[in-house]
């Protein structure tokens, strides 16, 4: 069979493409394929702190909170996502830009320009919130593993804490960053499950884009938890510092604190990275709620008390498999454990960045342990203290949702600081927040403040 566009170039094609032989067309198509693959690889190379931060945003605490929102309220809290999404983009883009322009982490910037009281408040909030979160995530990983092995909870929690500390200390930042990117793939099981159940998508989108808040303690508790696990304090400090780490890895600067080599391409790549990471986090969270609403809530399960309860949301994904309940638990466990391995180092690392910057210690995952012992010791201590929380009788699943709520409350004063820093021309120069960024960062602060006040009001009225 002949190719008419080749045999009759006057009918199709123009310029130098006219009159090409079939072999030349094949060669041209191969070249186009290679070029598109090169562009795709370049796009993957751009993805770094933003993608890791976005994936860590859907940590075990996030999965538990979104799952409980879907189980308890069905589709009734989907309206929160279009509200939170622009806030998340604006806040994280502002944090990334602070790191890129100043060459310092958020705590170092606050220390230099706003004095000790605000520094202590900011660092104290993020460290406490992170420690609670670490404990809840380690507990969830251990409880999930118990679905398959009859090993004491305490031993499993200790095992995961040790593995994470060893990975952070002995694996180089570049290698660890690549590992963290791939662990983000565990999130895709929820969108697939949501599609396999079958949805009334008109109803889904109607609930998503219709604002229908209810003012009662249970609803506000989950709403503040969704805000807190989406717009989390640890992300502010981690993303700011990791942008600096990425610049060092890409040789845009040689050390933290050094003036960066600012380029339009780098700032563009930064925005792309953040957009992809935060969009991944938000869309996946939206699908978690949908999947749990259409399985757990529809099946009469409105309270998630165990890891096994949460795993049932993924059973439609494997309903044609023999022993589908076991396979669903396995997929759920891979997600919880994989994202826990991703999130706990982020949590401990952001605490370490904050304390190290506040105390003037050498910091950075790009440094070897012997060059930044204080920085790595803080990571170890944060992980151990978080681990210890699992030995005071906390319920692992309820602790995850409480952690998200705690993050939501702790984020309020930190958002105020981010708005001040991002809009300070003395710090950011020509790269300070624009009008749109200012609006959304300040709206995030206002909405989360209001939600927190309403939560406390509803609690005392209940």
Protein backbone atom coordinates (compact mmCIF):
# COMPACT_ATOMS: atom_id res chain seq x y z
CA UNK A 1 0.00 0.00 0.00
CA UNK A 2 1.37 3.43 -0.91
CA UNK A 3 1.20 6.64 1.07
CA UNK A 4 -0.73 9.19 -1.02
CA UNK A 5 0.76 12.13 0.81
CA UNK A 6 4.19 10.90 -0.28
CA UNK A 7 3.40 9.90 -3.85
CA UNK A 8 1.45 13.12 -4.43
CA UNK A 9 3.19 15.84 -2.44
CA UNK A 10 1.19 18.54 -4.19
CA UNK A 11 -1.92 17.31 -2.39
CA UNK A 12 -0.49 17.49 1.13
CA UNK A 13 2.49 19.12 2.86
CA UNK A 14 4.42 22.27 2.17
CA UNK A 15 7.91 23.75 2.31
CA UNK A 16 10.80 21.35 2.66
CA UNK A 17 8.42 18.49 3.51
CA UNK A 18 7.18 18.32 -0.10
CA UNK A 19 8.57 15.54 -2.14
CA UNK A 20 10.15 13.60 0.74
CA UNK A 21 10.59 9.90 0.12
CA UNK A 22 8.86 7.35 2.32
CA UNK A 23 12.17 6.53 4.03
CA UNK A 24 12.76 10.22 4.73
CA UNK A 25 9.26 10.53 6.21
CA UNK A 26 9.94 7.57 8.51
CA UNK A 27 13.23 9.15 9.59
CA UNK A 28 11.43 12.45 10.22
CA UNK A 29 8.79 10.73 12.36
CA UNK A 30 11.49 8.97 14.39
CA UNK A 31 13.20 12.33 14.93
CA UNK A 32 9.89 13.87 16.09
CA UNK A 33 9.35 10.98 18.50
CA UNK A 34 12.85 11.42 19.93
CA UNK A 35 12.27 15.16 20.25
CA UNK A 36 8.96 14.70 22.07
CA UNK A 37 10.57 12.13 24.37
CA UNK A 38 13.40 14.57 25.08
CA UNK A 39 10.87 17.27 25.93
CA UNK A 40 9.01 14.86 28.22
CA UNK A 41 12.27 13.92 29.96
CA UNK A 42 13.07 17.61 30.35
CA UNK A 43 9.63 18.13 31.88
CA UNK A 44 10.27 15.27 34.34
CA UNK A 45 13.63 16.85 35.21
CA UNK A 46 11.85 20.11 36.11
CA UNK A 47 9.72 18.31 38.68
CA UNK A 48 11.37 18.38 42.10
CA UNK A 49 10.46 20.11 45.39
CA UNK A 50 6.96 21.02 44.18
CA UNK A 51 6.10 17.46 43.18
CA UNK A 52 7.58 15.97 46.37
CA UNK A 53 5.80 18.60 48.49
CA UNK A 54 2.51 17.92 46.68
CA UNK A 55 2.82 14.17 47.14
CA UNK A 56 3.75 14.61 50.81
CA UNK A 57 0.63 16.76 51.16
CA UNK A 58 -1.42 13.57 50.72
CA UNK A 59 0.41 11.78 53.54
CA UNK A 60 -1.30 9.15 55.75
CA UNK A 61 -2.90 11.97 57.77
CA UNK A 62 -4.28 13.45 54.55
CA UNK A 63 -5.56 10.09 53.27
CA UNK A 64 -7.31 9.42 56.61
CA UNK A 65 -8.89 12.89 56.70
CA UNK A 66 -10.16 12.79 53.11
CA UNK A 67 -11.36 9.21 53.60
CA UNK A 68 -13.32 10.18 56.72
CA UNK A 69 -14.76 13.19 54.87
CA UNK A 70 -16.05 10.90 52.11
CA UNK A 71 -17.28 8.18 54.48
CA UNK A 72 -18.99 10.56 56.90
CA UNK A 73 -20.38 13.17 54.52
CA UNK A 74 -20.55 11.43 51.15
CA UNK A 75 -20.05 14.06 48.46
CA UNK A 76 -21.07 16.80 50.88
CA UNK A 77 -17.59 18.27 51.41
CA UNK A 78 -16.39 18.28 47.78
CA UNK A 79 -17.07 22.03 47.64
CA UNK A 80 -13.97 22.52 49.79
CA UNK A 81 -11.58 21.59 46.95
CA UNK A 82 -12.17 24.44 44.47
CA UNK A 83 -11.98 26.74 47.51
CA UNK A 84 -8.66 25.33 48.76
CA UNK A 85 -6.91 24.80 45.40
CA UNK A 86 -6.07 28.44 44.49
CA UNK A 87 -5.02 29.07 48.11
CA UNK A 88 -2.66 26.10 48.02
CA UNK A 89 -1.14 27.20 44.69
CA UNK A 90 -0.63 30.79 45.84
CA UNK A 91 0.83 29.90 49.26
CA UNK A 92 3.26 27.28 47.97
CA UNK A 93 4.34 29.38 45.00
CA UNK A 94 5.03 32.24 47.41
CA UNK A 95 7.08 29.93 49.67
CA UNK A 96 9.09 28.61 46.71
CA UNK A 97 9.80 32.11 45.48
CA UNK A 98 10.98 33.17 48.96
CA UNK A 99 13.54 30.36 48.88
CA UNK A 100 14.59 31.04 45.28
CA UNK A 101 15.06 34.79 45.74
CA UNK A 102 16.57 34.95 49.24
CA UNK A 103 18.65 31.77 49.06
CA UNK A 104 17.46 30.99 52.60
CA UNK A 105 14.78 28.99 54.37
CA UNK A 106 11.67 30.60 55.82
CA UNK A 107 12.92 30.54 59.43
CA UNK A 108 16.18 32.25 58.43
CA UNK A 109 14.26 35.01 56.64
CA UNK A 110 11.96 35.56 59.63
CA UNK A 111 14.96 35.63 61.97
CA UNK A 112 16.78 38.21 59.87
CA UNK A 113 13.86 40.58 59.26
CA UNK A 114 11.23 40.10 61.98
CA UNK A 115 13.02 39.42 65.27
CA UNK A 116 13.10 36.68 67.87
CA UNK A 117 9.45 36.68 69.16
CA UNK A 118 7.96 35.97 65.73
CA UNK A 119 10.77 33.51 64.99
CA UNK A 120 10.11 31.52 68.17
CA UNK A 121 6.36 31.51 67.48
CA UNK A 122 6.82 30.33 63.88
CA UNK A 123 9.40 27.65 64.64
CA UNK A 124 7.53 26.47 67.74
CA UNK A 125 4.28 26.02 65.83
CA UNK A 126 5.81 24.07 62.97
CA UNK A 127 7.89 21.83 65.24
CA UNK A 128 4.93 20.90 67.47
CA UNK A 129 2.64 20.34 64.47
CA UNK A 130 5.28 18.25 62.71
CA UNK A 131 6.00 16.11 65.77
CA UNK A 132 2.31 15.28 66.18
CA UNK A 133 2.13 14.49 62.46
CA UNK A 134 5.21 12.25 62.52
CA UNK A 135 3.77 10.25 65.40
CA UNK A 136 0.41 9.81 63.66
CA UNK A 137 2.01 8.79 60.35
CA UNK A 138 4.35 6.23 61.95
CA UNK A 139 1.40 4.81 63.89
CA UNK A 140 -0.67 4.52 60.71
CA UNK A 141 2.16 2.73 58.90
CA UNK A 142 2.51 0.26 61.75
CA UNK A 143 -1.27 -0.32 62.08
CA UNK A 144 -1.56 -0.85 58.32
CA UNK A 145 1.27 -3.40 58.30
CA UNK A 146 -0.56 -5.34 61.01
CA UNK A 147 -3.23 -6.16 58.43
CA UNK A 148 -0.75 -8.73 57.07
CA UNK A 149 1.73 -9.67 59.78
CA UNK A 150 1.28 -10.60 63.42
CA UNK A 151 4.06 -8.35 64.72
CA UNK A 152 3.57 -6.05 67.73
CA UNK A 153 2.57 -2.49 66.85
CA UNK A 154 5.51 -1.02 68.80
CA UNK A 155 8.11 -3.03 66.91
CA UNK A 156 6.67 -2.03 63.54
CA UNK A 157 6.58 1.66 64.46
CA UNK A 158 10.20 1.51 65.63
CA UNK A 159 11.19 -0.37 62.45
CA UNK A 160 9.75 2.32 60.19
CA UNK A 161 11.31 5.12 62.23
CA UNK A 162 14.75 3.49 61.95
CA UNK A 163 14.39 2.87 58.19
CA UNK A 164 13.42 6.48 57.55
CA UNK A 165 16.29 7.91 59.61
CA UNK A 166 18.82 5.65 57.85
CA UNK A 167 17.49 6.65 54.41
CA UNK A 168 17.71 10.36 55.22
CA UNK A 169 21.24 10.10 56.61
CA UNK A 170 22.89 7.67 54.21
CA UNK A 171 21.13 8.26 50.88
CA UNK A 172 22.20 11.36 48.93
CA UNK A 173 19.68 14.11 48.36
CA UNK A 174 19.56 13.57 44.58
CA UNK A 175 18.88 9.85 44.93
CA UNK A 176 16.36 10.37 47.69
CA UNK A 177 14.53 13.04 45.67
CA UNK A 178 14.19 10.60 42.76
CA UNK A 179 12.85 7.94 45.12
CA UNK A 180 10.31 10.38 46.56
CA UNK A 181 9.04 11.28 43.07
CA UNK A 182 8.26 7.63 42.28
CA UNK A 183 6.57 7.02 45.63
CA UNK A 184 4.01 9.64 44.56
CA UNK A 185 2.61 7.09 42.07
CA UNK A 186 0.92 5.29 44.97
CA UNK A 187 -1.72 8.04 44.91
CA UNK A 188 -3.19 6.93 41.58
CA UNK A 189 -5.04 3.94 43.05
CA UNK A 190 -7.83 6.23 44.31
CA UNK A 191 -8.76 7.87 40.99
CA UNK A 192 -8.80 4.43 39.35
CA UNK A 193 -11.04 3.07 42.12
CA UNK A 194 -13.41 6.04 41.79
CA UNK A 195 -13.81 5.43 38.06
CA UNK A 196 -14.27 1.68 38.48
CA UNK A 197 -17.13 2.15 40.96
CA UNK A 198 -18.98 4.29 38.43
CA UNK A 199 -20.16 7.76 39.36
CA UNK A 200 -23.02 10.12 38.63
CA UNK A 201 -20.50 12.68 37.46
CA UNK A 202 -23.11 15.42 37.12
CA UNK A 203 -23.88 14.96 40.82
CA UNK A 204 -20.15 14.90 41.64
CA UNK A 205 -19.48 18.18 39.83
CA UNK A 206 -22.64 19.77 41.22
CA UNK A 207 -21.45 19.01 44.76
CA UNK A 208 -17.94 20.19 43.88
CA UNK A 209 -18.94 23.60 42.57
CA UNK A 210 -21.90 24.34 44.84
CA UNK A 211 -20.99 25.90 48.18
CA UNK A 212 -23.04 24.03 50.81
CA UNK A 213 -21.32 24.43 54.20
CA UNK A 214 -22.92 23.19 57.44
CA UNK A 215 -22.10 24.83 60.75
CA UNK A 216 -21.85 21.95 63.21
CA UNK A 217 -18.86 20.62 65.12
CA UNK A 218 -18.42 17.37 63.14
CA UNK A 219 -18.50 19.13 59.76
CA UNK A 220 -16.24 21.98 60.85
CA UNK A 221 -13.82 19.52 62.45
CA UNK A 222 -13.41 17.73 59.12
CA UNK A 223 -13.32 20.98 57.13
CA UNK A 224 -10.53 22.44 59.28
CA UNK A 225 -8.78 19.07 59.00
CA UNK A 226 -9.03 19.20 55.20
CA UNK A 227 -7.63 22.74 55.23
CA UNK A 228 -4.86 21.71 57.61
CA UNK A 229 -3.79 18.62 55.71
CA UNK A 230 -3.86 20.56 52.41
CA UNK A 231 -2.29 23.87 53.47
CA UNK A 232 0.07 22.47 56.10
CA UNK A 233 2.73 24.29 58.16
CA UNK A 234 5.47 21.78 57.35
CA UNK A 235 5.01 22.40 53.62
CA UNK A 236 5.82 26.11 54.07
CA UNK A 237 9.22 25.44 55.60
CA UNK A 238 10.08 22.33 53.56
CA UNK A 239 9.27 23.84 50.16
CA UNK A 240 11.19 27.05 50.86
CA UNK A 241 14.32 25.19 51.93
CA UNK A 242 14.09 22.47 49.27
CA UNK A 243 14.04 25.06 46.49
CA UNK A 244 17.43 26.20 47.81
CA UNK A 245 18.60 22.56 47.91
CA UNK A 246 17.46 22.12 44.32
CA UNK A 247 19.40 25.19 43.23
CA UNK A 248 22.51 23.77 44.89
CA UNK A 249 21.93 20.41 43.19
CA UNK A 250 21.60 22.23 39.84
CA UNK A 251 24.68 24.41 40.56
CA UNK A 252 22.69 27.67 40.62
CA UNK A 253 24.41 28.36 43.93
CA UNK A 254 27.09 26.62 45.95
CA UNK A 255 25.59 26.86 49.45
CA UNK A 256 22.55 27.97 51.45
CA UNK A 257 22.46 31.72 52.01
CA UNK A 258 24.42 32.59 48.88
CA UNK A 259 22.80 34.96 46.38
CA UNK A 260 21.11 32.86 43.68
CA UNK A 261 21.72 33.05 39.96
CA UNK A 262 18.24 34.21 39.13
CA UNK A 263 17.02 33.28 35.69
CA UNK A 264 13.58 33.53 34.11
CA UNK A 265 13.83 29.87 33.13
CA UNK A 266 14.48 28.79 36.72
CA UNK A 267 11.53 30.80 38.07
CA UNK A 268 9.33 29.45 35.26
CA UNK A 269 10.38 25.88 36.10
CA UNK A 270 9.63 26.63 39.74
CA UNK A 271 6.06 27.62 38.90
CA UNK A 272 5.58 24.56 36.69
CA UNK A 273 6.92 22.27 39.43
CA UNK A 274 4.62 23.81 42.03
CA UNK A 275 1.61 23.75 39.73
CA UNK A 276 2.09 20.04 38.94
CA UNK A 277 2.74 19.08 42.59
CA UNK A 278 -0.17 21.04 44.08
CA UNK A 279 -2.56 19.98 41.31
CA UNK A 280 -1.59 16.33 41.86
CA UNK A 281 -2.24 16.74 45.59
CA UNK A 282 -5.62 18.45 45.13
CA UNK A 283 -7.00 16.21 42.37
CA UNK A 284 -5.93 13.04 44.18
CA UNK A 285 -7.50 14.26 47.43
CA UNK A 286 -10.73 15.02 45.52
CA UNK A 287 -10.75 11.47 44.18
CA UNK A 288 -10.11 10.00 47.66
CA UNK A 289 -13.28 11.68 48.91
CA UNK A 290 -15.25 10.48 45.86
CA UNK A 291 -13.94 6.91 46.16
CA UNK A 292 -14.81 6.71 49.87
CA UNK A 293 -18.20 8.38 49.37
CA UNK A 294 -19.21 5.91 46.65
CA UNK A 295 -17.98 2.83 48.54
CA UNK A 296 -17.87 3.37 52.31
CA UNK A 297 -20.64 5.97 52.69
CA UNK A 298 -22.85 4.20 50.14
CA UNK A 299 -22.28 0.93 52.03
CA UNK A 300 -23.32 2.43 55.38
CA UNK A 301 -19.77 2.87 56.77
CA UNK A 302 -19.71 6.46 58.02
CA UNK A 303 -16.99 6.14 60.66
CA UNK A 304 -13.48 4.89 59.86
CA UNK A 305 -12.07 3.24 62.96
CA UNK A 306 -9.38 0.96 61.56
CA UNK A 307 -7.04 0.66 58.59
CA UNK A 308 -9.20 -2.24 57.36
CA UNK A 309 -12.24 0.09 57.23
CA UNK A 310 -10.34 2.60 55.09
CA UNK A 311 -8.99 -0.12 52.79
CA UNK A 312 -12.54 -1.12 51.77
CA UNK A 313 -12.70 2.01 49.58
CA UNK A 314 -10.27 0.31 47.17
CA UNK A 315 -12.11 -3.03 46.90
CA UNK A 316 -13.91 -2.06 43.63
CA UNK A 317 -10.46 -1.68 42.08
CA UNK A 318 -9.85 -5.40 42.51
CA UNK A 319 -13.34 -6.88 42.71
CA UNK A 320 -12.58 -9.36 39.90
CA UNK A 321 -9.49 -10.64 41.71
CA UNK A 322 -9.63 -13.74 43.92
CA UNK A 323 -9.66 -12.61 47.57
CA UNK A 324 -10.33 -9.01 46.58
CA UNK A 325 -10.46 -7.84 50.21
CA UNK A 326 -6.86 -8.92 50.77
CA UNK A 327 -5.68 -7.26 47.54
CA UNK A 328 -7.49 -4.02 48.43
CA UNK A 329 -5.75 -4.01 51.82
CA UNK A 330 -2.43 -4.60 50.06
CA UNK A 331 -2.91 -1.64 47.68
CA UNK A 332 -4.06 0.56 50.57
CA UNK A 333 -1.01 -0.50 52.59
CA UNK A 334 1.39 0.28 49.75
CA UNK A 335 -0.11 3.76 49.57
CA UNK A 336 -0.01 4.43 53.31
CA UNK A 337 3.49 3.00 53.80
CA UNK A 338 4.91 4.53 50.61
CA UNK A 339 3.53 7.97 51.35
CA UNK A 340 4.56 7.63 54.99
CA UNK A 341 8.14 6.95 53.88
CA UNK A 342 7.82 10.10 51.77
CA UNK A 343 6.10 12.33 54.33
CA UNK A 344 7.93 11.57 57.60
CA UNK A 345 11.33 12.74 56.25
CA UNK A 346 9.58 15.87 54.94
CA UNK A 347 8.05 16.51 58.37
CA UNK A 348 11.27 15.85 60.30
CA UNK A 349 13.30 17.72 57.69
CA UNK A 350 11.13 20.83 57.80
CA UNK A 351 11.44 20.91 61.61
CA UNK A 352 15.21 20.57 61.28
CA UNK A 353 15.44 23.34 58.70
CA UNK A 354 13.40 25.64 60.96
CA UNK A 355 15.43 24.93 64.13
CA UNK A 356 18.80 24.94 62.33
CA UNK A 357 18.07 28.27 60.65
CA UNK A 358 16.84 29.76 63.93
CA UNK A 359 19.97 28.59 65.79
CA UNK A 360 22.47 29.28 63.01
CA UNK A 361 23.43 25.63 62.49
CA UNK A 362 24.72 24.26 59.20
CA UNK A 363 21.78 22.69 57.42
CA UNK A 364 20.91 20.94 54.20
CA UNK A 365 20.30 17.43 52.92
CA UNK A 366 23.02 18.06 50.35
CA UNK A 367 25.56 18.02 53.19
CA UNK A 368 27.01 14.78 54.54
CA UNK A 369 26.17 13.82 58.14
CA UNK A 370 29.62 14.75 59.41
CA UNK A 371 29.27 18.25 57.89
CA UNK A 372 25.85 18.98 59.43
CA UNK A 373 25.58 16.82 62.55
CA UNK A 374 23.23 19.24 64.31
CA UNK A 375 20.84 19.31 61.36
CA UNK A 376 20.66 15.52 61.13
CA UNK A 377 20.44 15.08 64.90
CA UNK A 378 17.33 17.28 64.92
CA UNK A 379 15.79 15.02 62.25
CA UNK A 380 16.58 11.97 64.41
CA UNK A 381 15.19 13.60 67.57
CA UNK A 382 12.01 14.79 65.79
CA UNK A 383 11.42 11.27 64.47
CA UNK A 384 12.05 9.66 67.88
CA UNK A 385 9.78 12.10 69.74
CA UNK A 386 7.05 11.55 67.14
CA UNK A 387 7.54 7.80 67.51
CA UNK A 388 7.16 8.10 71.30
CA UNK A 389 3.66 9.51 70.88
CA UNK A 390 2.53 6.05 69.80
CA UNK A 391 3.21 4.67 73.29
CA UNK A 392 0.67 6.84 75.15
CA UNK A 393 -2.40 4.97 73.96
CA UNK A 394 -3.45 7.09 70.94
CA UNK A 395 -5.80 5.55 68.39
CA UNK A 396 -3.74 5.54 65.14
CA UNK A 397 -6.63 6.39 62.78
CA UNK A 398 -8.25 9.08 64.95
CA UNK A 399 -4.78 10.56 65.59
CA UNK A 400 -4.36 11.10 61.83
CA UNK A 401 -7.49 13.24 61.58
CA UNK A 402 -6.67 15.12 64.79
CA UNK A 403 -3.23 15.86 63.34
CA UNK A 404 -4.81 17.42 60.26
CA UNK A 405 -7.04 19.63 62.45
CA UNK A 406 -4.05 20.66 64.57
CA UNK A 407 -2.19 21.61 61.39
CA UNK A 408 -5.14 23.71 60.27
CA UNK A 409 -5.09 25.71 63.51
CA UNK A 410 -1.27 26.05 63.54
CA UNK A 411 -1.19 27.24 59.91
CA UNK A 412 -3.11 30.46 60.65
CA UNK A 413 -0.31 32.61 62.18
CA UNK A 414 2.23 31.11 59.76
CA UNK A 415 0.13 32.20 56.78
CA UNK A 416 0.18 35.71 58.20
CA UNK A 417 4.00 35.58 58.23
CA UNK A 418 4.19 34.22 54.67
CA UNK A 419 1.97 37.07 53.45
CA UNK A 420 4.26 39.61 55.18
CA UNK A 421 7.49 38.10 53.85
CA UNK A 422 6.20 37.55 50.32
CA UNK A 423 4.99 41.15 50.08
CA UNK A 424 8.10 42.75 51.60
CA UNK A 425 10.03 44.59 48.88
CA UNK A 426 13.11 44.82 51.13
CA UNK A 427 13.29 41.02 51.13
CA UNK A 428 11.86 40.06 47.73
CA UNK A 429 12.72 43.13 45.65
CA UNK A 430 11.02 43.03 42.26
CA UNK A 431 9.93 39.44 42.91
CA UNK A 432 7.52 40.24 45.73
CA UNK A 433 3.97 38.87 45.53
CA UNK A 434 1.85 40.23 42.70
CA UNK A 435 -1.74 41.35 43.09
CA UNK A 436 -3.30 37.95 42.42
CA UNK A 437 -0.87 36.14 44.70
CA UNK A 438 -1.50 38.65 47.47
CA UNK A 439 -5.26 38.23 47.20
CA UNK A 440 -5.16 34.44 47.46
CA UNK A 441 -2.52 34.23 50.22
CA UNK A 442 -4.48 36.71 52.32
CA UNK A 443 -7.75 34.95 51.53
CA UNK A 444 -6.18 31.68 52.68
CA UNK A 445 -5.27 33.37 55.97
CA UNK A 446 -8.76 34.84 56.35
CA UNK A 447 -10.67 31.64 55.50
CA UNK A 448 -8.53 29.44 57.76
CA UNK A 449 -8.83 31.97 60.61
CA UNK A 450 -12.61 32.06 60.20
CA UNK A 451 -12.87 28.26 59.97
CA UNK A 452 -10.80 27.87 63.15
CA UNK A 453 -12.95 30.37 65.05
CA UNK A 454 -16.15 28.68 63.90
CA UNK A 455 -14.70 25.29 64.93
CA UNK A 456 -14.02 26.51 68.47
CA UNK A 457 -17.44 28.22 68.60
CA UNK A 458 -19.24 25.05 67.49
CA UNK A 459 -17.20 22.98 69.98
CA UNK A 460 -18.22 25.11 72.97
CA UNK A 461 -21.86 25.20 71.80
CA UNK A 462 -22.04 21.43 71.29
